[in-house]
N, C-alpha and C. Protein backbone atom coordinates (compact mmCIF):
# COMPACT_ATOMS: atom_id res chain seq x y z
N UNK A 1 101.20 49.08 -21.00
CA UNK A 1 100.06 48.19 -20.82
C UNK A 1 98.85 49.03 -20.42
N UNK A 2 97.73 48.64 -20.91
CA UNK A 2 96.47 49.31 -20.65
C UNK A 2 96.18 49.28 -19.15
N UNK A 3 95.81 50.39 -18.53
CA UNK A 3 95.55 50.42 -17.09
C UNK A 3 94.42 49.48 -16.66
N UNK A 4 93.43 49.32 -17.51
CA UNK A 4 92.33 48.42 -17.17
C UNK A 4 92.80 46.97 -17.15
N UNK A 5 93.62 46.62 -18.13
CA UNK A 5 94.17 45.26 -18.20
C UNK A 5 95.09 45.00 -17.00
N UNK A 6 95.90 46.01 -16.64
CA UNK A 6 96.81 45.88 -15.50
C UNK A 6 96.01 45.66 -14.21
N UNK A 7 94.91 46.37 -14.03
CA UNK A 7 94.08 46.22 -12.84
C UNK A 7 93.45 44.83 -12.79
N UNK A 8 93.02 44.32 -13.95
CA UNK A 8 92.43 42.98 -13.99
C UNK A 8 93.46 41.91 -13.63
N UNK A 9 94.68 42.04 -14.15
CA UNK A 9 95.74 41.08 -13.83
C UNK A 9 96.10 41.14 -12.35
N UNK A 10 96.19 42.33 -11.80
CA UNK A 10 96.52 42.49 -10.39
C UNK A 10 95.42 41.88 -9.51
N UNK A 11 94.17 42.13 -9.87
CA UNK A 11 93.05 41.56 -9.11
C UNK A 11 93.08 40.04 -9.16
N UNK A 12 93.34 39.48 -10.34
CA UNK A 12 93.42 38.02 -10.48
C UNK A 12 94.59 37.46 -9.68
N UNK A 13 95.73 38.14 -9.73
CA UNK A 13 96.92 37.67 -9.01
C UNK A 13 96.70 37.66 -7.50
N UNK A 14 95.89 38.54 -7.01
CA UNK A 14 95.62 38.59 -5.57
C UNK A 14 94.47 37.64 -5.20
N UNK A 15 93.41 37.64 -5.99
CA UNK A 15 92.21 36.87 -5.67
C UNK A 15 92.44 35.36 -5.75
N UNK A 16 93.13 34.90 -6.77
CA UNK A 16 93.33 33.46 -6.97
C UNK A 16 94.02 32.79 -5.78
N UNK A 17 95.16 33.31 -5.28
CA UNK A 17 95.77 32.66 -4.11
C UNK A 17 94.88 32.72 -2.86
N UNK A 18 94.11 33.78 -2.69
CA UNK A 18 93.23 33.89 -1.53
C UNK A 18 92.13 32.83 -1.61
N UNK A 19 91.54 32.64 -2.78
CA UNK A 19 90.50 31.63 -2.96
C UNK A 19 91.07 30.23 -2.71
N UNK A 20 92.23 29.95 -3.24
CA UNK A 20 92.87 28.64 -3.02
C UNK A 20 93.13 28.41 -1.54
N UNK A 21 93.64 29.42 -0.85
CA UNK A 21 93.91 29.29 0.58
C UNK A 21 92.61 29.04 1.36
N UNK A 22 91.53 29.72 1.00
CA UNK A 22 90.26 29.51 1.67
C UNK A 22 89.72 28.09 1.44
N UNK A 23 89.84 27.60 0.22
CA UNK A 23 89.37 26.24 -0.08
C UNK A 23 90.15 25.22 0.75
N UNK A 24 91.45 25.39 0.83
CA UNK A 24 92.28 24.48 1.62
C UNK A 24 91.89 24.55 3.10
N UNK A 25 91.72 25.74 3.63
CA UNK A 25 91.34 25.88 5.04
C UNK A 25 89.98 25.26 5.33
N UNK A 26 89.02 25.48 4.48
CA UNK A 26 87.70 24.89 4.69
C UNK A 26 87.78 23.38 4.66
N UNK A 27 88.55 22.83 3.73
CA UNK A 27 88.66 21.37 3.64
C UNK A 27 89.41 20.77 4.81
N UNK A 28 90.39 21.47 5.35
CA UNK A 28 91.17 20.93 6.46
C UNK A 28 90.49 21.21 7.80
N UNK A 29 90.12 22.45 8.06
CA UNK A 29 89.56 22.81 9.36
C UNK A 29 88.06 22.54 9.45
N UNK A 30 87.36 22.56 8.35
CA UNK A 30 85.92 22.38 8.37
C UNK A 30 85.47 20.95 8.26
N UNK A 31 86.38 19.98 8.24
CA UNK A 31 86.03 18.57 8.09
C UNK A 31 85.86 17.93 9.46
N UNK A 32 84.62 17.65 9.91
CA UNK A 32 84.39 17.10 11.24
C UNK A 32 84.92 15.68 11.40
N UNK A 33 85.21 15.00 10.32
CA UNK A 33 85.70 13.62 10.43
C UNK A 33 87.20 13.58 10.64
N UNK A 34 87.85 14.75 10.68
CA UNK A 34 89.29 14.76 10.87
C UNK A 34 90.04 14.27 9.64
N UNK A 35 89.43 14.37 8.48
CA UNK A 35 90.09 13.94 7.26
C UNK A 35 89.94 12.46 6.97
N UNK A 36 89.15 11.75 7.77
CA UNK A 36 88.97 10.31 7.56
C UNK A 36 87.95 10.10 6.45
N UNK A 37 88.39 9.66 5.24
CA UNK A 37 87.43 9.48 4.16
C UNK A 37 86.43 8.37 4.43
N UNK A 38 86.76 7.43 5.30
CA UNK A 38 85.84 6.33 5.62
C UNK A 38 84.66 6.82 6.46
N UNK A 39 84.83 7.99 7.10
CA UNK A 39 83.76 8.51 7.94
C UNK A 39 82.56 8.94 7.12
N UNK A 40 82.77 9.30 5.86
CA UNK A 40 81.67 9.66 4.98
C UNK A 40 81.09 11.01 5.31
N UNK A 41 80.13 11.45 4.55
CA UNK A 41 79.53 12.76 4.77
C UNK A 41 78.60 12.75 5.98
N UNK A 42 78.45 13.91 6.59
CA UNK A 42 77.52 14.03 7.71
C UNK A 42 76.10 13.99 7.18
N UNK A 43 75.21 13.45 7.96
CA UNK A 43 73.80 13.41 7.58
C UNK A 43 73.22 14.81 7.74
N UNK A 44 72.14 15.09 7.04
CA UNK A 44 71.52 16.41 7.10
C UNK A 44 71.03 16.71 8.50
N UNK A 45 70.56 15.70 9.23
CA UNK A 45 70.06 15.93 10.58
C UNK A 45 71.18 16.10 11.59
N UNK A 46 72.43 16.03 11.15
CA UNK A 46 73.58 16.22 12.02
C UNK A 46 74.11 14.94 12.62
N UNK A 47 73.40 13.84 12.47
CA UNK A 47 73.86 12.56 13.02
C UNK A 47 74.99 12.02 12.16
N UNK A 48 75.95 11.39 12.80
CA UNK A 48 77.06 10.79 12.06
C UNK A 48 76.54 9.56 11.31
N UNK A 49 77.07 9.32 10.10
CA UNK A 49 76.63 8.12 9.37
C UNK A 49 77.07 6.85 10.07
N UNK A 50 76.32 5.78 9.86
CA UNK A 50 76.66 4.49 10.46
C UNK A 50 77.84 3.90 9.70
N UNK A 51 78.84 3.45 10.44
CA UNK A 51 80.00 2.81 9.82
C UNK A 51 79.83 1.31 9.94
N UNK A 52 80.29 0.54 8.93
CA UNK A 52 80.13 -0.92 8.98
C UNK A 52 80.68 -1.55 10.25
N UNK A 53 81.79 -1.04 10.74
CA UNK A 53 82.38 -1.65 11.94
C UNK A 53 81.58 -1.37 13.21
N UNK A 54 80.65 -0.40 13.14
CA UNK A 54 79.79 -0.11 14.29
C UNK A 54 78.58 -1.04 14.38
N UNK A 55 78.27 -1.73 13.29
CA UNK A 55 77.13 -2.65 13.29
C UNK A 55 77.54 -4.00 13.86
N UNK A 56 76.67 -4.64 14.63
CA UNK A 56 77.01 -5.96 15.17
C UNK A 56 77.10 -7.00 14.04
N UNK A 57 77.87 -8.06 14.29
CA UNK A 57 77.97 -9.15 13.33
C UNK A 57 76.60 -9.81 13.22
N UNK A 58 76.16 -10.02 12.00
CA UNK A 58 74.86 -10.63 11.74
C UNK A 58 75.05 -12.13 11.55
N UNK A 59 74.43 -12.93 12.43
CA UNK A 59 74.53 -14.39 12.34
C UNK A 59 73.34 -14.92 11.56
N UNK A 60 73.63 -15.70 10.51
CA UNK A 60 72.56 -16.17 9.63
C UNK A 60 72.66 -17.66 9.38
N UNK A 61 71.51 -18.32 9.39
CA UNK A 61 71.42 -19.72 8.97
C UNK A 61 71.11 -19.71 7.48
N UNK A 62 71.90 -20.44 6.72
CA UNK A 62 71.73 -20.47 5.27
C UNK A 62 71.75 -21.91 4.78
N UNK A 63 71.24 -22.15 3.57
CA UNK A 63 71.25 -23.52 3.05
C UNK A 63 72.68 -23.99 2.75
N UNK A 64 72.83 -25.31 2.66
CA UNK A 64 74.14 -25.86 2.30
C UNK A 64 74.54 -25.38 0.92
N UNK A 65 75.84 -25.26 0.72
CA UNK A 65 76.36 -24.83 -0.57
C UNK A 65 76.32 -26.02 -1.53
N UNK A 66 75.67 -25.82 -2.66
CA UNK A 66 75.57 -26.85 -3.68
C UNK A 66 76.71 -26.67 -4.69
N UNK A 67 77.00 -27.68 -5.50
CA UNK A 67 78.01 -27.49 -6.56
C UNK A 67 77.64 -26.36 -7.52
N UNK A 68 76.34 -26.20 -7.79
CA UNK A 68 75.90 -25.11 -8.67
C UNK A 68 76.21 -23.74 -8.04
N UNK A 69 75.95 -23.63 -6.75
CA UNK A 69 76.25 -22.37 -6.05
C UNK A 69 77.75 -22.13 -6.02
N UNK A 70 78.51 -23.17 -5.78
CA UNK A 70 79.97 -23.05 -5.74
C UNK A 70 80.51 -22.54 -7.08
N UNK A 71 79.86 -22.94 -8.17
CA UNK A 71 80.31 -22.52 -9.50
C UNK A 71 79.85 -21.10 -9.84
N UNK A 72 78.64 -20.72 -9.44
CA UNK A 72 78.06 -19.45 -9.89
C UNK A 72 78.19 -18.29 -8.90
N UNK A 73 78.12 -18.56 -7.62
CA UNK A 73 78.02 -17.48 -6.63
C UNK A 73 79.26 -16.60 -6.47
N UNK A 74 80.48 -17.11 -6.64
CA UNK A 74 81.62 -16.19 -6.52
C UNK A 74 81.52 -14.99 -7.46
N UNK A 75 80.99 -15.19 -8.66
CA UNK A 75 80.84 -14.07 -9.60
C UNK A 75 79.86 -13.03 -9.06
N UNK A 76 78.81 -13.49 -8.40
CA UNK A 76 77.83 -12.57 -7.82
C UNK A 76 78.46 -11.78 -6.68
N UNK A 77 79.12 -12.49 -5.79
CA UNK A 77 79.67 -11.84 -4.60
C UNK A 77 80.71 -10.79 -4.97
N UNK A 78 81.42 -11.01 -6.06
CA UNK A 78 82.43 -10.05 -6.49
C UNK A 78 81.87 -8.77 -7.08
N UNK A 79 80.57 -8.73 -7.37
CA UNK A 79 79.97 -7.54 -7.97
C UNK A 79 79.12 -6.73 -7.00
N UNK A 80 78.97 -7.19 -5.77
CA UNK A 80 78.06 -6.53 -4.84
C UNK A 80 78.63 -5.20 -4.35
N UNK A 81 77.76 -4.19 -4.19
CA UNK A 81 78.23 -2.88 -3.74
C UNK A 81 78.51 -2.86 -2.23
N UNK A 82 79.42 -1.98 -1.83
CA UNK A 82 79.72 -1.81 -0.41
C UNK A 82 78.60 -1.06 0.30
N UNK A 83 77.84 -0.28 -0.46
CA UNK A 83 76.71 0.46 0.09
C UNK A 83 75.49 0.18 -0.79
N UNK A 84 74.36 -0.04 -0.16
CA UNK A 84 73.13 -0.36 -0.89
C UNK A 84 72.00 0.52 -0.38
N UNK A 85 71.42 1.31 -1.26
CA UNK A 85 70.31 2.20 -0.91
C UNK A 85 70.66 3.06 0.31
N UNK A 86 71.89 3.54 0.34
CA UNK A 86 72.34 4.41 1.43
C UNK A 86 72.77 3.69 2.69
N UNK A 87 72.73 2.38 2.70
CA UNK A 87 73.10 1.59 3.89
C UNK A 87 74.45 0.92 3.67
N UNK A 88 75.33 0.95 4.69
CA UNK A 88 76.64 0.31 4.54
C UNK A 88 76.55 -1.20 4.64
N UNK A 89 77.51 -1.88 4.04
CA UNK A 89 77.57 -3.33 4.20
C UNK A 89 77.93 -3.64 5.65
N UNK A 90 77.65 -4.86 6.06
CA UNK A 90 77.97 -5.25 7.43
C UNK A 90 78.51 -6.67 7.46
N UNK A 91 79.20 -6.97 8.54
CA UNK A 91 79.81 -8.30 8.68
C UNK A 91 78.73 -9.35 8.93
N UNK A 92 78.95 -10.52 8.31
CA UNK A 92 78.01 -11.62 8.41
C UNK A 92 78.76 -12.87 8.86
N UNK A 93 78.14 -13.64 9.75
CA UNK A 93 78.69 -14.93 10.14
C UNK A 93 77.69 -16.00 9.70
N UNK A 94 78.16 -16.89 8.81
CA UNK A 94 77.29 -17.96 8.32
C UNK A 94 78.16 -19.13 7.89
N UNK A 95 77.50 -20.21 7.48
CA UNK A 95 78.22 -21.40 7.03
C UNK A 95 78.61 -21.32 5.56
N UNK A 96 78.32 -20.23 4.91
CA UNK A 96 78.64 -20.06 3.50
C UNK A 96 79.21 -18.67 3.25
N UNK A 97 80.11 -18.54 2.30
CA UNK A 97 80.60 -17.21 1.94
C UNK A 97 79.66 -16.48 0.99
N UNK A 98 78.53 -17.10 0.65
CA UNK A 98 77.65 -16.55 -0.37
C UNK A 98 76.45 -15.82 0.23
N UNK A 99 76.69 -15.10 1.30
CA UNK A 99 75.65 -14.28 1.93
C UNK A 99 76.27 -12.92 2.24
N UNK A 100 75.48 -11.86 2.05
CA UNK A 100 75.97 -10.50 2.22
C UNK A 100 74.84 -9.67 2.80
N UNK A 101 75.16 -8.66 3.59
CA UNK A 101 74.11 -7.85 4.22
C UNK A 101 74.50 -6.38 4.25
N UNK A 102 73.47 -5.55 4.32
CA UNK A 102 73.64 -4.11 4.41
C UNK A 102 72.66 -3.57 5.44
N UNK A 103 73.11 -2.59 6.23
CA UNK A 103 72.23 -1.82 7.10
C UNK A 103 71.72 -2.53 8.33
N UNK A 104 70.91 -1.78 9.10
CA UNK A 104 70.31 -2.29 10.32
C UNK A 104 68.94 -1.63 10.49
N UNK A 105 67.85 -2.35 10.35
CA UNK A 105 67.74 -3.79 10.13
C UNK A 105 68.30 -4.16 8.76
N UNK A 106 68.78 -5.37 8.67
CA UNK A 106 69.57 -5.78 7.52
C UNK A 106 68.75 -6.17 6.31
N UNK A 107 69.25 -5.75 5.15
CA UNK A 107 68.85 -6.30 3.85
C UNK A 107 69.86 -7.40 3.59
N UNK A 108 69.40 -8.63 3.35
CA UNK A 108 70.31 -9.78 3.24
C UNK A 108 70.17 -10.43 1.87
N UNK A 109 71.31 -10.61 1.19
CA UNK A 109 71.35 -11.34 -0.07
C UNK A 109 72.00 -12.69 0.18
N UNK A 110 71.37 -13.77 -0.30
CA UNK A 110 71.93 -15.11 -0.21
C UNK A 110 71.92 -15.71 -1.61
N UNK A 111 73.07 -16.15 -2.05
CA UNK A 111 73.20 -16.76 -3.37
C UNK A 111 73.18 -18.28 -3.22
N UNK A 112 72.43 -18.95 -4.10
CA UNK A 112 72.40 -20.41 -4.09
C UNK A 112 71.32 -21.00 -3.22
N UNK A 113 70.20 -20.30 -3.06
CA UNK A 113 69.10 -20.83 -2.25
C UNK A 113 68.26 -21.80 -3.08
N UNK A 114 67.39 -22.55 -2.40
CA UNK A 114 66.47 -23.46 -3.09
C UNK A 114 65.40 -22.66 -3.83
N UNK A 115 64.75 -23.31 -4.77
CA UNK A 115 63.63 -22.68 -5.47
C UNK A 115 62.58 -22.31 -4.42
N UNK A 116 62.03 -21.09 -4.49
CA UNK A 116 61.02 -20.69 -3.51
C UNK A 116 59.81 -21.61 -3.56
N UNK A 117 59.25 -21.91 -2.39
CA UNK A 117 58.09 -22.81 -2.31
C UNK A 117 56.91 -22.30 -3.14
N UNK A 118 56.70 -21.02 -3.17
CA UNK A 118 55.57 -20.47 -3.89
C UNK A 118 55.80 -20.28 -5.38
N UNK A 119 56.99 -20.63 -5.87
CA UNK A 119 57.31 -20.42 -7.28
C UNK A 119 56.82 -21.62 -8.08
N UNK A 120 55.58 -21.51 -8.54
CA UNK A 120 54.93 -22.57 -9.31
C UNK A 120 54.53 -22.00 -10.67
N UNK A 121 54.11 -22.88 -11.56
CA UNK A 121 53.78 -22.48 -12.93
C UNK A 121 52.78 -21.33 -12.96
N UNK A 122 51.82 -21.34 -12.07
CA UNK A 122 50.78 -20.30 -12.08
C UNK A 122 51.20 -19.01 -11.35
N UNK A 123 52.35 -19.01 -10.71
CA UNK A 123 52.81 -17.83 -9.98
C UNK A 123 53.32 -16.77 -10.95
N UNK A 124 53.15 -15.52 -10.56
CA UNK A 124 53.65 -14.44 -11.40
C UNK A 124 55.04 -14.03 -10.92
N UNK A 125 55.76 -13.37 -11.81
CA UNK A 125 57.09 -12.86 -11.48
C UNK A 125 57.14 -11.39 -11.88
N UNK A 126 58.01 -10.67 -11.21
CA UNK A 126 58.22 -9.26 -11.53
C UNK A 126 59.58 -9.15 -12.21
N UNK A 127 59.61 -8.45 -13.33
CA UNK A 127 60.88 -8.28 -14.04
C UNK A 127 61.40 -6.88 -13.78
N UNK A 128 62.65 -6.80 -13.31
CA UNK A 128 63.31 -5.53 -13.07
C UNK A 128 64.67 -5.58 -13.75
N UNK A 129 64.90 -4.66 -14.66
CA UNK A 129 66.19 -4.58 -15.37
C UNK A 129 66.63 -5.92 -15.94
N UNK A 130 65.69 -6.68 -16.47
CA UNK A 130 66.04 -7.94 -17.12
C UNK A 130 66.18 -9.13 -16.19
N UNK A 131 65.88 -8.97 -14.91
CA UNK A 131 65.93 -10.09 -13.96
C UNK A 131 64.51 -10.36 -13.47
N UNK A 132 64.11 -11.64 -13.49
CA UNK A 132 62.77 -12.02 -13.02
C UNK A 132 62.83 -12.40 -11.55
N UNK A 133 61.92 -11.82 -10.78
CA UNK A 133 61.87 -12.02 -9.34
C UNK A 133 60.53 -12.62 -8.93
N UNK A 134 60.59 -13.63 -8.08
CA UNK A 134 59.40 -14.13 -7.39
C UNK A 134 59.37 -13.40 -6.05
N UNK A 135 58.23 -12.86 -5.67
CA UNK A 135 58.12 -12.08 -4.44
C UNK A 135 57.20 -12.80 -3.47
N UNK A 136 57.71 -13.05 -2.26
CA UNK A 136 56.95 -13.72 -1.20
C UNK A 136 56.68 -12.71 -0.10
N UNK A 137 55.42 -12.40 0.12
CA UNK A 137 55.03 -11.44 1.15
C UNK A 137 54.26 -12.12 2.29
N UNK A 138 54.41 -13.43 2.42
CA UNK A 138 53.64 -14.17 3.42
C UNK A 138 54.06 -13.86 4.86
N UNK A 139 55.30 -13.41 5.07
CA UNK A 139 55.78 -13.06 6.41
C UNK A 139 55.68 -11.54 6.56
N UNK A 140 54.88 -11.04 7.52
CA UNK A 140 54.73 -9.59 7.65
C UNK A 140 56.02 -8.87 8.04
N UNK A 141 56.99 -9.59 8.58
CA UNK A 141 58.23 -8.95 9.01
C UNK A 141 59.27 -8.86 7.89
N UNK A 142 59.11 -9.65 6.83
CA UNK A 142 60.12 -9.73 5.77
C UNK A 142 59.46 -9.97 4.42
N UNK A 143 59.93 -9.26 3.41
CA UNK A 143 59.55 -9.55 2.03
C UNK A 143 60.73 -10.24 1.38
N UNK A 144 60.49 -11.40 0.79
CA UNK A 144 61.57 -12.19 0.19
C UNK A 144 61.46 -12.12 -1.33
N UNK A 145 62.48 -11.58 -1.96
CA UNK A 145 62.58 -11.51 -3.41
C UNK A 145 63.58 -12.57 -3.84
N UNK A 146 63.22 -13.41 -4.80
CA UNK A 146 64.13 -14.45 -5.28
C UNK A 146 64.24 -14.35 -6.79
N UNK A 147 65.48 -14.17 -7.27
CA UNK A 147 65.73 -14.17 -8.71
C UNK A 147 65.59 -15.60 -9.20
N UNK A 148 64.69 -15.81 -10.17
CA UNK A 148 64.35 -17.17 -10.59
C UNK A 148 64.80 -17.49 -12.01
N UNK A 149 65.51 -16.57 -12.65
CA UNK A 149 65.91 -16.81 -14.04
C UNK A 149 67.43 -16.81 -14.22
N UNK A 150 68.12 -17.33 -13.24
CA UNK A 150 69.59 -17.42 -13.28
C UNK A 150 69.98 -18.88 -13.00
N UNK A 151 71.24 -19.27 -13.24
CA UNK A 151 71.65 -20.66 -12.99
C UNK A 151 71.46 -21.12 -11.55
N UNK A 152 71.51 -20.18 -10.62
CA UNK A 152 71.19 -20.45 -9.21
C UNK A 152 70.19 -19.38 -8.76
N UNK A 153 69.38 -19.73 -7.77
CA UNK A 153 68.44 -18.75 -7.23
C UNK A 153 69.18 -17.84 -6.26
N UNK A 154 68.88 -16.55 -6.35
CA UNK A 154 69.48 -15.55 -5.47
C UNK A 154 68.34 -14.87 -4.73
N UNK A 155 68.45 -14.87 -3.41
CA UNK A 155 67.39 -14.35 -2.55
C UNK A 155 67.82 -13.03 -1.91
N UNK A 156 66.90 -12.08 -1.87
CA UNK A 156 67.12 -10.82 -1.16
C UNK A 156 65.97 -10.66 -0.16
N UNK A 157 66.32 -10.59 1.12
CA UNK A 157 65.32 -10.42 2.20
C UNK A 157 65.31 -8.96 2.62
N UNK A 158 64.12 -8.37 2.53
CA UNK A 158 63.94 -6.97 2.92
C UNK A 158 63.12 -6.90 4.20
N UNK A 159 63.58 -6.14 5.20
CA UNK A 159 62.78 -5.97 6.41
C UNK A 159 61.50 -5.21 6.09
N UNK A 160 60.48 -5.40 6.92
CA UNK A 160 59.21 -4.69 6.74
C UNK A 160 59.48 -3.20 6.65
N UNK A 161 58.78 -2.55 5.75
CA UNK A 161 58.91 -1.11 5.60
C UNK A 161 59.97 -0.68 4.60
N UNK A 162 60.79 -1.60 4.12
CA UNK A 162 61.81 -1.25 3.12
C UNK A 162 61.21 -1.50 1.74
N UNK A 163 61.30 -0.49 0.87
CA UNK A 163 60.74 -0.66 -0.47
C UNK A 163 61.68 -1.49 -1.36
N UNK A 164 61.38 -1.57 -2.63
CA UNK A 164 62.14 -2.44 -3.53
C UNK A 164 63.42 -1.80 -4.07
N UNK A 165 63.81 -0.64 -3.59
CA UNK A 165 65.03 0.03 -4.08
C UNK A 165 66.27 -0.85 -3.97
N UNK A 166 66.49 -1.58 -2.86
CA UNK A 166 67.67 -2.45 -2.81
C UNK A 166 67.64 -3.53 -3.88
N UNK A 167 66.48 -4.11 -4.14
CA UNK A 167 66.37 -5.15 -5.17
C UNK A 167 66.67 -4.55 -6.54
N UNK A 168 66.11 -3.39 -6.81
CA UNK A 168 66.36 -2.72 -8.08
C UNK A 168 67.85 -2.46 -8.26
N UNK A 169 68.51 -2.00 -7.21
CA UNK A 169 69.95 -1.72 -7.30
C UNK A 169 70.77 -2.98 -7.52
N UNK A 170 70.30 -4.11 -7.02
CA UNK A 170 71.05 -5.36 -7.15
C UNK A 170 70.82 -6.07 -8.49
N UNK A 171 69.81 -5.68 -9.25
CA UNK A 171 69.54 -6.39 -10.49
C UNK A 171 70.65 -6.24 -11.52
N UNK A 172 71.26 -5.07 -11.61
CA UNK A 172 72.30 -4.86 -12.61
C UNK A 172 73.53 -5.73 -12.32
N UNK A 173 74.10 -5.69 -11.09
CA UNK A 173 75.25 -6.58 -10.85
C UNK A 173 74.88 -8.05 -10.98
N UNK A 174 73.66 -8.40 -10.60
CA UNK A 174 73.23 -9.80 -10.70
C UNK A 174 73.16 -10.23 -12.17
N UNK A 175 72.56 -9.39 -13.00
CA UNK A 175 72.45 -9.71 -14.43
C UNK A 175 73.83 -9.77 -15.09
N UNK A 176 74.76 -8.94 -14.63
CA UNK A 176 76.12 -8.97 -15.19
C UNK A 176 76.88 -10.21 -14.75
N UNK A 177 76.63 -10.68 -13.54
CA UNK A 177 77.40 -11.81 -12.99
C UNK A 177 76.88 -13.16 -13.44
N UNK A 178 75.57 -13.28 -13.61
CA UNK A 178 74.97 -14.58 -13.94
C UNK A 178 74.16 -14.48 -15.23
N UNK A 179 74.36 -15.42 -16.15
CA UNK A 179 73.60 -15.39 -17.40
C UNK A 179 72.13 -15.77 -17.18
N UNK A 180 71.31 -15.33 -18.10
CA UNK A 180 69.89 -15.68 -18.07
C UNK A 180 69.74 -17.18 -18.26
N UNK A 181 68.78 -17.73 -17.56
CA UNK A 181 68.39 -19.14 -17.73
C UNK A 181 66.88 -19.20 -17.65
N UNK A 182 66.27 -19.95 -18.52
CA UNK A 182 64.81 -20.07 -18.52
C UNK A 182 64.32 -20.46 -17.12
N UNK A 183 63.38 -19.68 -16.54
CA UNK A 183 62.87 -20.02 -15.20
C UNK A 183 62.23 -21.41 -15.20
N UNK A 184 62.37 -22.10 -14.08
CA UNK A 184 61.82 -23.44 -13.95
C UNK A 184 60.97 -23.54 -12.68
N UNK A 185 59.73 -23.03 -12.76
CA UNK A 185 58.86 -23.13 -11.58
C UNK A 185 58.44 -24.57 -11.35
N UNK A 186 58.00 -24.83 -10.14
CA UNK A 186 57.49 -26.17 -9.82
C UNK A 186 56.16 -26.36 -10.54
N UNK A 187 55.81 -27.62 -10.86
CA UNK A 187 54.54 -27.87 -11.57
C UNK A 187 53.34 -27.49 -10.72
């Protein structure tokens, strides 16, 4: 056998197990979460990520469940992400199973809400990924986005200072779960 080839094989035979051993050691000893995959990655600033069980239960008043919501909302709830715009989902206490929240302060989605008061024929809508949204900015503490072109209205409440990224992320699962329906603004 060629001496150069023999040296390359010997180097590979020694280097490969050493690299594998180092990778295993780094993954086992270098993991600050103790191997808990639910702990998630560490933040760049060194702070531990917020876990859903660390957030307090969010108590919400919501509208009564209508037959339309009962028919349409389970499909929506089954498509919602566990994390939204980097924020974990959190526990919610309400009179309906059709409400979901992420983060603190919370971004809250409610399926089956009434038509927004400001949604009239002359009102404009914003279309994102095929979903039309009516946006209400009348409350300085909350921006309310309501999907108005589905069989039921779906509302997303964003705390002040939160941009539209959560709404944008929710449009795809919403469009997949609920078919398009011609918007029906108030006269």
